[in-house]
Every structure is written in structure tokens, then in C-alpha cells.
Amino acid sequence: MANHKATKKDTRQAAKRRDRNRYYGKTTRNAVRDLKTIAEPTGYSEKLPSVISMIDKLAKRGIIHKNKAANLKSKLAKKAAVVAA
């Protein structure tokens, strides 16, 4: 561990950011998993916008890549079409 005050502070901040990012990522993954298990069209269409919003926030914060976010949203939208049909 470094002995400079600024480096110690940076280490503390990085740990806080890492924990926060892990929490946001895990929460979103759980929401996506729960959304995939919904079979009725009304429930799926109600939850889809909130999950897409969570995915967009992850991409905006840099927790996941923007292309990964786009792929996730695309897959969920395809499933929405299947569930609705």
C-alpha cells in the first residue's frame, strides 16, 4: 500500500466505486433474470421499461459497454414480441 495521503484516499474512493458498481450491476442482472421468467404479456410490458432504464444507466456510468447494453435491450425487446404473440 502506498504511503501518500492522496494515494490512500484514491484507494478508498476506488473501493467505494467498485462496491457501488457491483451493486448496480448485480441488481440489474437480477432484474433481467426476473424479467425473462415472466410469461404473461402484461407483466412483461410493465417491467420492460424499468429494466431498460437500468441497463441504460449502467452503460451511461461505464459499468457495462454501450454495445452490451444495446444487445441486452435488443434481446429483451425480441422476447417481448414473442411473449406478446
PDB file of N, CA and C in Angstrom:
ATOM      1  N   MET A   1       0.843  -1.177   0.000  1.00  0.00           N
ATOM      2  CA  MET A   1       0.000   0.000   0.000  1.00  0.00           C
ATOM      3  C   MET A   1       0.886   1.236   0.000  1.00  0.00           C
ATOM      4  N   ALA A   2       0.437   2.241  -0.723  1.00  0.00           N
ATOM      5  CA  ALA A   2       1.219   3.473  -0.834  1.00  0.00           C
ATOM      6  C   ALA A   2       1.148   4.276   0.457  1.00  0.00           C
ATOM      7  N   ASN A   3       2.094   5.158   0.622  1.00  0.00           N
ATOM      8  CA  ASN A   3       2.179   5.946   1.845  1.00  0.00           C
ATOM      9  C   ASN A   3       1.739   7.395   1.654  1.00  0.00           C
ATOM     10  N   HIS A   4       1.393   7.782   0.433  1.00  0.00           N
ATOM     11  CA  HIS A   4       0.960   9.149   0.193  1.00  0.00           C
ATOM     12  C   HIS A   4      -0.510   9.301   0.561  1.00  0.00           C
ATOM     13  N   LYS A   5      -0.849  10.440   1.130  1.00  0.00           N
ATOM     14  CA  LYS A   5      -2.230  10.668   1.549  1.00  0.00           C
ATOM     15  C   LYS A   5      -3.184  10.599   0.363  1.00  0.00           C
ATOM     16  N   ALA A   6      -2.784  11.192  -0.750  1.00  0.00           N
ATOM     17  CA  ALA A   6      -3.661  11.222  -1.922  1.00  0.00           C
ATOM     18  C   ALA A   6      -3.886   9.819  -2.476  1.00  0.00           C
ATOM     19  N   THR A   7      -2.850   8.986  -2.450  1.00  0.00           N
ATOM     20  CA  THR A   7      -2.982   7.623  -2.954  1.00  0.00           C
ATOM     21  C   THR A   7      -3.864   6.790  -2.044  1.00  0.00           C
ATOM     22  N   LYS A   8      -3.746   7.002  -0.744  1.00  0.00           N
ATOM     23  CA  LYS A   8      -4.620   6.287   0.199  1.00  0.00           C
ATOM     24  C   LYS A   8      -6.074   6.681  -0.022  1.00  0.00           C
ATOM     25  N   LYS A   9      -6.292   7.960  -0.227  1.00  0.00           N
ATOM     26  CA  LYS A   9      -7.655   8.432  -0.479  1.00  0.00           C
ATOM     27  C   LYS A   9      -8.187   7.840  -1.779  1.00  0.00           C
ATOM     28  N   ASP A  10      -7.349   7.814  -2.809  1.00  0.00           N
ATOM     29  CA  ASP A  10      -7.768   7.252  -4.087  1.00  0.00           C
ATOM     30  C   ASP A  10      -8.127   5.783  -3.954  1.00  0.00           C
ATOM     31  N   THR A  11      -7.387   5.063  -3.133  1.00  0.00           N
ATOM     32  CA  THR A  11      -7.673   3.652  -2.889  1.00  0.00           C
ATOM     33  C   THR A  11      -9.027   3.490  -2.213  1.00  0.00           C
ATOM     34  N   ARG A  12      -9.312   4.341  -1.230  1.00  0.00           N
ATOM     35  CA  ARG A  12     -10.616   4.297  -0.557  1.00  0.00           C
ATOM     36  C   ARG A  12     -11.750   4.605  -1.532  1.00  0.00           C
ATOM     37  N   GLN A  13     -11.550   5.624  -2.358  1.00  0.00           N
ATOM     38  CA  GLN A  13     -12.586   6.001  -3.311  1.00  0.00           C
ATOM     39  C   GLN A  13     -12.823   4.898  -4.340  1.00  0.00           C
ATOM     40  N   ALA A  14     -11.733   4.274  -4.793  1.00  0.00           N
ATOM     41  CA  ALA A  14     -11.864   3.202  -5.780  1.00  0.00           C
ATOM     42  C   ALA A  14     -12.641   2.031  -5.192  1.00  0.00           C
ATOM     43  N   ALA A  15     -12.408   1.722  -3.928  1.00  0.00           N
ATOM     44  CA  ALA A  15     -13.133   0.628  -3.285  1.00  0.00           C
ATOM     45  C   ALA A  15     -14.617   0.950  -3.185  1.00  0.00           C
ATOM     46  N   LYS A  16     -14.943   2.189  -2.847  1.00  0.00           N
ATOM     47  CA  LYS A  16     -16.348   2.592  -2.766  1.00  0.00           C
ATOM     48  C   LYS A  16     -17.014   2.515  -4.136  1.00  0.00           C
ATOM     49  N   ARG A  17     -16.305   3.000  -5.158  1.00  0.00           N
ATOM     50  CA  ARG A  17     -16.868   2.960  -6.511  1.00  0.00           C
ATOM     51  C   ARG A  17     -17.055   1.518  -6.978  1.00  0.00           C
ATOM     52  N   ARG A  18     -16.083   0.661  -6.675  1.00  0.00           N
ATOM     53  CA  ARG A  18     -16.176  -0.744  -7.077  1.00  0.00           C
ATOM     54  C   ARG A  18     -17.387  -1.405  -6.435  1.00  0.00           C
ATOM     55  N   ASP A  19     -17.577  -1.182  -5.140  1.00  0.00           N
ATOM     56  CA  ASP A  19     -18.723  -1.773  -4.449  1.00  0.00           C
ATOM     57  C   ASP A  19     -20.041  -1.250  -5.007  1.00  0.00           C
ATOM     58  N   ARG A  20     -20.083   0.050  -5.274  1.00  0.00           N
ATOM     59  CA  ARG A  20     -21.301   0.643  -5.816  1.00  0.00           C
ATOM     60  C   ARG A  20     -21.592   0.082  -7.197  1.00  0.00           C
ATOM     61  N   ASN A  21     -20.575  -0.024  -8.049  1.00  0.00           N
ATOM     62  CA  ASN A  21     -20.760  -0.555  -9.396  1.00  0.00           C
ATOM     63  C   ASN A  21     -21.182  -2.016  -9.356  1.00  0.00           C
ATOM     64  N   ARG A  22     -20.613  -2.792  -8.446  1.00  0.00           N
ATOM     65  CA  ARG A  22     -21.006  -4.198  -8.315  1.00  0.00           C
ATOM     66  C   ARG A  22     -22.465  -4.303  -7.903  1.00  0.00           C
ATOM     67  N   TYR A  23     -22.893  -3.421  -7.006  1.00  0.00           N
ATOM     68  CA  TYR A  23     -24.285  -3.434  -6.564  1.00  0.00           C
ATOM     69  C   TYR A  23     -25.225  -3.116  -7.734  1.00  0.00           C
ATOM     70  N   TYR A  24     -24.928  -2.046  -8.477  1.00  0.00           N
ATOM     71  CA  TYR A  24     -25.778  -1.678  -9.604  1.00  0.00           C
ATOM     72  C   TYR A  24     -25.813  -2.789 -10.651  1.00  0.00           C
ATOM     73  N   GLY A  25     -24.657  -3.372 -10.941  1.00  0.00           N
ATOM     74  CA  GLY A  25     -24.597  -4.434 -11.945  1.00  0.00           C
ATOM     75  C   GLY A  25     -25.377  -5.659 -11.519  1.00  0.00           C
ATOM     76  N   LYS A  26     -25.216  -6.069 -10.269  1.00  0.00           N
ATOM     77  CA  LYS A  26     -25.907  -7.258  -9.777  1.00  0.00           C
ATOM     78  C   LYS A  26     -27.417  -7.027  -9.730  1.00  0.00           C
ATOM     79  N   THR A  27     -27.827  -5.840  -9.302  1.00  0.00           N
ATOM     80  CA  THR A  27     -29.247  -5.526  -9.239  1.00  0.00           C
ATOM     81  C   THR A  27     -29.869  -5.577 -10.631  1.00  0.00           C
ATOM     82  N   THR A  28     -29.166  -5.054 -11.611  1.00  0.00           N
ATOM     83  CA  THR A  28     -29.677  -5.069 -12.980  1.00  0.00           C
ATOM     84  C   THR A  28     -29.722  -6.483 -13.535  1.00  0.00           C
ATOM     85  N   ARG A  29     -28.692  -7.267 -13.263  1.00  0.00           N
ATOM     86  CA  ARG A  29     -28.702  -8.659 -13.740  1.00  0.00           C
ATOM     87  C   ARG A  29     -29.869  -9.428 -13.139  1.00  0.00           C
ATOM     88  N   ASN A  30     -30.145  -9.197 -11.859  1.00  0.00           N
ATOM     89  CA  ASN A  30     -31.282  -9.860 -11.225  1.00  0.00           C
ATOM     90  C   ASN A  30     -32.590  -9.408 -11.852  1.00  0.00           C
ATOM     91  N   ALA A  31     -32.702  -8.137 -12.175  1.00  0.00           N
ATOM     92  CA  ALA A  31     -33.923  -7.623 -12.803  1.00  0.00           C
ATOM     93  C   ALA A  31     -34.114  -8.237 -14.184  1.00  0.00           C
ATOM     94  N   VAL A  32     -33.039  -8.375 -14.941  1.00  0.00           N
ATOM     95  CA  VAL A  32     -33.125  -9.002 -16.267  1.00  0.00           C
ATOM     96  C   VAL A  32     -33.533 -10.463 -16.124  1.00  0.00           C
ATOM     97  N   ARG A  33     -32.941 -11.150 -15.155  1.00  0.00           N
ATOM     98  CA  ARG A  33     -33.284 -12.553 -14.932  1.00  0.00           C
ATOM     99  C   ARG A  33     -34.759 -12.693 -14.561  1.00  0.00           C
ATOM    100  N   ASP A  34     -35.239 -11.843 -13.669  1.00  0.00           N
ATOM    101  CA  ASP A  34     -36.637 -11.909 -13.270  1.00  0.00           C
ATOM    102  C   ASP A  34     -37.563 -11.578 -14.435  1.00  0.00           C
ATOM    103  N   LEU A  35     -37.156 -10.635 -15.272  1.00  0.00           N
ATOM    104  CA  LEU A  35     -37.971 -10.268 -16.426  1.00  0.00           C
ATOM    105  C   LEU A  35     -38.081 -11.429 -17.403  1.00  0.00           C
ATOM    106  N   LYS A  36     -36.992 -12.166 -17.596  1.00  0.00           N
ATOM    107  CA  LYS A  36     -37.008 -13.288 -18.532  1.00  0.00           C
ATOM    108  C   LYS A  36     -37.947 -14.396 -18.084  1.00  0.00           C
ATOM    109  N   THR A  37     -38.225 -14.494 -16.790  1.00  0.00           N
ATOM    110  CA  THR A  37     -39.094 -15.561 -16.301  1.00  0.00           C
ATOM    111  C   THR A  37     -40.574 -15.220 -16.413  1.00  0.00           C
ATOM    112  N   ILE A  38     -40.900 -13.947 -16.685  1.00  0.00           N
ATOM    113  CA  ILE A  38     -42.306 -13.542 -16.793  1.00  0.00           C
ATOM    114  C   ILE A  38     -42.876 -14.076 -18.107  1.00  0.00           C
ATOM    115  N   ALA A  39     -44.047 -14.709 -18.032  1.00  0.00           N
ATOM    116  CA  ALA A  39     -44.641 -15.323 -19.216  1.00  0.00           C
ATOM    117  C   ALA A  39     -45.836 -14.533 -19.748  1.00  0.00           C
ATOM    118  N   GLU A  40     -46.550 -13.794 -18.888  1.00  0.00           N
ATOM    119  CA  GLU A  40     -47.739 -13.092 -19.368  1.00  0.00           C
ATOM    120  C   GLU A  40     -47.345 -11.742 -19.984  1.00  0.00           C
ATOM    121  N   PRO A  41     -48.012 -11.352 -21.052  1.00  0.00           N
ATOM    122  CA  PRO A  41     -47.629 -10.138 -21.787  1.00  0.00           C
ATOM    123  C   PRO A  41     -47.764  -8.849 -20.969  1.00  0.00           C
ATOM    124  N   THR A  42     -48.792  -8.750 -20.131  1.00  0.00           N
ATOM    125  CA  THR A  42     -48.986  -7.501 -19.394  1.00  0.00           C
ATOM    126  C   THR A  42     -47.869  -7.281 -18.381  1.00  0.00           C
ATOM    127  N   GLY A  43     -47.506  -8.325 -17.665  1.00  0.00           N
ATOM    128  CA  GLY A  43     -46.429  -8.201 -16.684  1.00  0.00           C
ATOM    129  C   GLY A  43     -45.104  -7.878 -17.339  1.00  0.00           C
ATOM    130  N   TYR A  44     -44.843  -8.506 -18.483  1.00  0.00           N
ATOM    131  CA  TYR A  44     -43.580  -8.266 -19.188  1.00  0.00           C
ATOM    132  C   TYR A  44     -43.512  -6.830 -19.680  1.00  0.00           C
ATOM    133  N   SER A  45     -44.605  -6.348 -20.275  1.00  0.00           N
ATOM    134  CA  SER A  45     -44.588  -4.993 -20.829  1.00  0.00           C
ATOM    135  C   SER A  45     -44.537  -3.929 -19.735  1.00  0.00           C
ATOM    136  N   GLU A  46     -45.015  -4.249 -18.537  1.00  0.00           N
ATOM    137  CA  GLU A  46     -44.938  -3.298 -17.433  1.00  0.00           C
ATOM    138  C   GLU A  46     -43.511  -3.189 -16.884  1.00  0.00           C
ATOM    139  N   LYS A  47     -42.806  -4.305 -16.800  1.00  0.00           N
ATOM    140  CA  LYS A  47     -41.466  -4.319 -16.211  1.00  0.00           C
ATOM    141  C   LYS A  47     -40.379  -3.922 -17.210  1.00  0.00           C
ATOM    142  N   LEU A  48     -40.631  -4.107 -18.508  1.00  0.00           N
ATOM    143  CA  LEU A  48     -39.602  -3.876 -19.524  1.00  0.00           C
ATOM    144  C   LEU A  48     -39.015  -2.462 -19.494  1.00  0.00           C
ATOM    145  N   PRO A  49     -39.818  -1.390 -19.419  1.00  0.00           N
ATOM    146  CA  PRO A  49     -39.207  -0.052 -19.416  1.00  0.00           C
ATOM    147  C   PRO A  49     -38.273   0.204 -18.234  1.00  0.00           C
ATOM    148  N   SER A  50     -38.605  -0.306 -17.069  1.00  0.00           N
ATOM    149  CA  SER A  50     -37.738  -0.074 -15.912  1.00  0.00           C
ATOM    150  C   SER A  50     -36.421  -0.829 -16.052  1.00  0.00           C
ATOM    151  N   VAL A  51     -36.470  -2.032 -16.605  1.00  0.00           N
ATOM    152  CA  VAL A  51     -35.238  -2.805 -16.798  1.00  0.00           C
ATOM    153  C   VAL A  51     -34.365  -2.151 -17.873  1.00  0.00           C
ATOM    154  N   ILE A  52     -34.986  -1.675 -18.933  1.00  0.00           N
ATOM    155  CA  ILE A  52     -34.225  -0.983 -19.986  1.00  0.00           C
ATOM    156  C   ILE A  52     -33.580   0.275 -19.420  1.00  0.00           C
ATOM    157  N   SER A  53     -34.293   0.974 -18.558  1.00  0.00           N
ATOM    158  CA  SER A  53     -33.731   2.154 -17.921  1.00  0.00           C
ATOM    159  C   SER A  53     -32.523   1.791 -17.071  1.00  0.00           C
ATOM    160  N   MET A  54     -32.604   0.695 -16.337  1.00  0.00           N
ATOM    161  CA  MET A  54     -31.474   0.250 -15.520  1.00  0.00           C
ATOM    162  C   MET A  54     -30.262  -0.064 -16.401  1.00  0.00           C
ATOM    163  N   ILE A  55     -30.501  -0.728 -17.527  1.00  0.00           N
ATOM    164  CA  ILE A  55     -29.418  -1.077 -18.443  1.00  0.00           C
ATOM    165  C   ILE A  55     -28.778   0.189 -19.015  1.00  0.00           C
ATOM    166  N   ASP A  56     -29.613   1.166 -19.386  1.00  0.00           N
ATOM    167  CA  ASP A  56     -29.079   2.427 -19.917  1.00  0.00           C
ATOM    168  C   ASP A  56     -28.219   3.151 -18.887  1.00  0.00           C
ATOM    169  N   LYS A  57     -28.633   3.116 -17.631  1.00  0.00           N
ATOM    170  CA  LYS A  57     -27.856   3.772 -16.583  1.00  0.00           C
ATOM    171  C   LYS A  57     -26.504   3.094 -16.398  1.00  0.00           C
ATOM    172  N   LEU A  58     -26.475   1.757 -16.505  1.00  0.00           N
ATOM    173  CA  LEU A  58     -25.197   1.054 -16.398  1.00  0.00           C
ATOM    174  C   LEU A  58     -24.256   1.475 -17.520  1.00  0.00           C
ATOM    175  N   ALA A  59     -24.806   1.575 -18.732  1.00  0.00           N
ATOM    176  CA  ALA A  59     -23.971   1.968 -19.869  1.00  0.00           C
ATOM    177  C   ALA A  59     -23.502   3.407 -19.708  1.00  0.00           C
ATOM    178  N   LYS A  60     -24.373   4.286 -19.205  1.00  0.00           N
ATOM    179  CA  LYS A  60     -24.004   5.688 -19.036  1.00  0.00           C
ATOM    180  C   LYS A  60     -22.898   5.835 -18.002  1.00  0.00           C
ATOM    181  N   ARG A  61     -22.957   5.035 -16.948  1.00  0.00           N
ATOM    182  CA  ARG A  61     -21.946   5.104 -15.891  1.00  0.00           C
ATOM    183  C   ARG A  61     -20.656   4.393 -16.270  1.00  0.00           C
ATOM    184  N   GLY A  62     -20.674   3.627 -17.365  1.00  0.00           N
ATOM    185  CA  GLY A  62     -19.481   2.926 -17.797  1.00  0.00           C
ATOM    186  C   GLY A  62     -19.284   1.587 -17.120  1.00  0.00           C
ATOM    187  N   ILE A  63     -20.325   1.077 -16.472  1.00  0.00           N
ATOM    188  CA  ILE A  63     -20.211  -0.213 -15.800  1.00  0.00           C
ATOM    189  C   ILE A  63     -20.242  -1.336 -16.827  1.00  0.00           C
ATOM    190  N   ILE A  64     -21.074  -1.169 -17.866  1.00  0.00           N
ATOM    191  CA  ILE A  64     -21.064  -2.100 -18.992  1.00  0.00           C
ATOM    192  C   ILE A  64     -20.848  -1.287 -20.266  1.00  0.00           C
ATOM    193  N   HIS A  65     -20.398  -1.960 -21.308  1.00  0.00           N
ATOM    194  CA  HIS A  65     -20.153  -1.302 -22.582  1.00  0.00           C
ATOM    195  C   HIS A  65     -21.476  -0.961 -23.246  1.00  0.00           C
ATOM    196  N   LYS A  66     -21.482   0.095 -24.045  1.00  0.00           N
ATOM    197  CA  LYS A  66     -22.729   0.538 -24.675  1.00  0.00           C
ATOM    198  C   LYS A  66     -23.261  -0.501 -25.665  1.00  0.00           C
ATOM    199  N   ASN A  67     -22.383  -1.253 -26.309  1.00  0.00           N
ATOM    200  CA  ASN A  67     -22.852  -2.288 -27.229  1.00  0.00           C
ATOM    201  C   ASN A  67     -23.473  -3.450 -26.470  1.00  0.00           C
ATOM    202  N   LYS A  68     -22.939  -3.781 -25.303  1.00  0.00           N
ATOM    203  CA  LYS A  68     -23.539  -4.821 -24.477  1.00  0.00           C
ATOM    204  C   LYS A  68     -24.926  -4.396 -24.040  1.00  0.00           C
ATOM    205  N   ALA A  69     -25.067  -3.130 -23.675  1.00  0.00           N
ATOM    206  CA  ALA A  69     -26.383  -2.616 -23.285  1.00  0.00           C
ATOM    207  C   ALA A  69     -27.352  -2.717 -24.451  1.00  0.00           C
ATOM    208  N   ALA A  70     -26.897  -2.358 -25.644  1.00  0.00           N
ATOM    209  CA  ALA A  70     -27.756  -2.429 -26.821  1.00  0.00           C
ATOM    210  C   ALA A  70     -28.153  -3.877 -27.115  1.00  0.00           C
ATOM    211  N   ASN A  71     -27.222  -4.800 -26.967  1.00  0.00           N
ATOM    212  CA  ASN A  71     -27.535  -6.210 -27.215  1.00  0.00           C
ATOM    213  C   ASN A  71     -28.543  -6.736 -26.203  1.00  0.00           C
ATOM    214  N   LEU A  72     -28.369  -6.374 -24.931  1.00  0.00           N
ATOM    215  CA  LEU A  72     -29.319  -6.805 -23.904  1.00  0.00           C
ATOM    216  C   LEU A  72     -30.716  -6.269 -24.189  1.00  0.00           C
ATOM    217  N   LYS A  73     -30.798  -4.982 -24.515  1.00  0.00           N
ATOM    218  CA  LYS A  73     -32.095  -4.383 -24.786  1.00  0.00           C
ATOM    219  C   LYS A  73     -32.750  -5.009 -26.012  1.00  0.00           C
ATOM    220  N   SER A  74     -31.951  -5.324 -27.018  1.00  0.00           N
ATOM    221  CA  SER A  74     -32.473  -5.948 -28.233  1.00  0.00           C
ATOM    222  C   SER A  74     -33.057  -7.328 -27.933  1.00  0.00           C
ATOM    223  N   LYS A  75     -32.330  -8.105 -27.136  1.00  0.00           N
ATOM    224  CA  LYS A  75     -32.818  -9.443 -26.787  1.00  0.00           C
ATOM    225  C   LYS A  75     -34.101  -9.367 -25.984  1.00  0.00           C
ATOM    226  N   LEU A  76     -34.177  -8.401 -25.065  1.00  0.00           N
ATOM    227  CA  LEU A  76     -35.390  -8.260 -24.262  1.00  0.00           C
ATOM    228  C   LEU A  76     -36.565  -7.809 -25.123  1.00  0.00           C
ATOM    229  N   ALA A  77     -36.310  -6.955 -26.105  1.00  0.00           N
ATOM    230  CA  ALA A  77     -37.372  -6.495 -26.987  1.00  0.00           C
ATOM    231  C   ALA A  77     -37.877  -7.644 -27.869  1.00  0.00           C
ATOM    232  N   LYS A  78     -36.947  -8.496 -28.327  1.00  0.00           N
ATOM    233  CA  LYS A  78     -37.356  -9.662 -29.117  1.00  0.00           C
ATOM    234  C   LYS A  78     -38.235 -10.583 -28.282  1.00  0.00           C
ATOM    235  N   LYS A  79     -37.841 -10.785 -27.036  1.00  0.00           N
ATOM    236  CA  LYS A  79     -38.641 -11.640 -26.158  1.00  0.00           C
ATOM    237  C   LYS A  79     -40.008 -11.007 -25.902  1.00  0.00           C
ATOM    238  N   ALA A  80     -40.060  -9.694 -25.831  1.00  0.00           N
ATOM    239  CA  ALA A  80     -41.347  -9.010 -25.640  1.00  0.00           C
ATOM    240  C   ALA A  80     -42.281  -9.294 -26.811  1.00  0.00           C
ATOM    241  N   ALA A  81     -41.737  -9.317 -28.009  1.00  0.00           N
ATOM    242  CA  ALA A  81     -42.550  -9.618 -29.184  1.00  0.00           C
ATOM    243  C   ALA A  81     -43.051 -11.056 -29.150  1.00  0.00           C
ATOM    244  N   VAL A  82     -42.199 -11.954 -28.689  1.00  0.00           N
ATOM    245  CA  VAL A  82     -42.604 -13.374 -28.607  1.00  0.00           C
ATOM    246  C   VAL A  82     -43.670 -13.564 -27.547  1.00  0.00           C
ATOM    247  N   VAL A  83     -43.480 -12.915 -26.388  1.00  0.00           N
ATOM    248  CA  VAL A  83     -44.449 -13.046 -25.297  1.00  0.00           C
ATOM    249  C   VAL A  83     -45.792 -12.441 -25.696  1.00  0.00           C
ATOM    250  N   ALA A  84     -45.753 -11.332 -26.422  1.00  0.00           N
ATOM    251  CA  ALA A  84     -46.990 -10.656 -26.831  1.00  0.00           C
ATOM    252  C   ALA A  84     -47.758 -11.472 -27.853  1.00  0.00           C
ATOM    253  N   ALA A  85     -47.052 -12.252 -28.662  1.00  0.00           N
ATOM    254  CA  ALA A  85     -47.718 -13.024 -29.715  1.00  0.00           C
ATOM    255  C   ALA A  85     -48.387 -14.284 -29.182  1.00  0.00           C
TER     256      ALA A  85
END
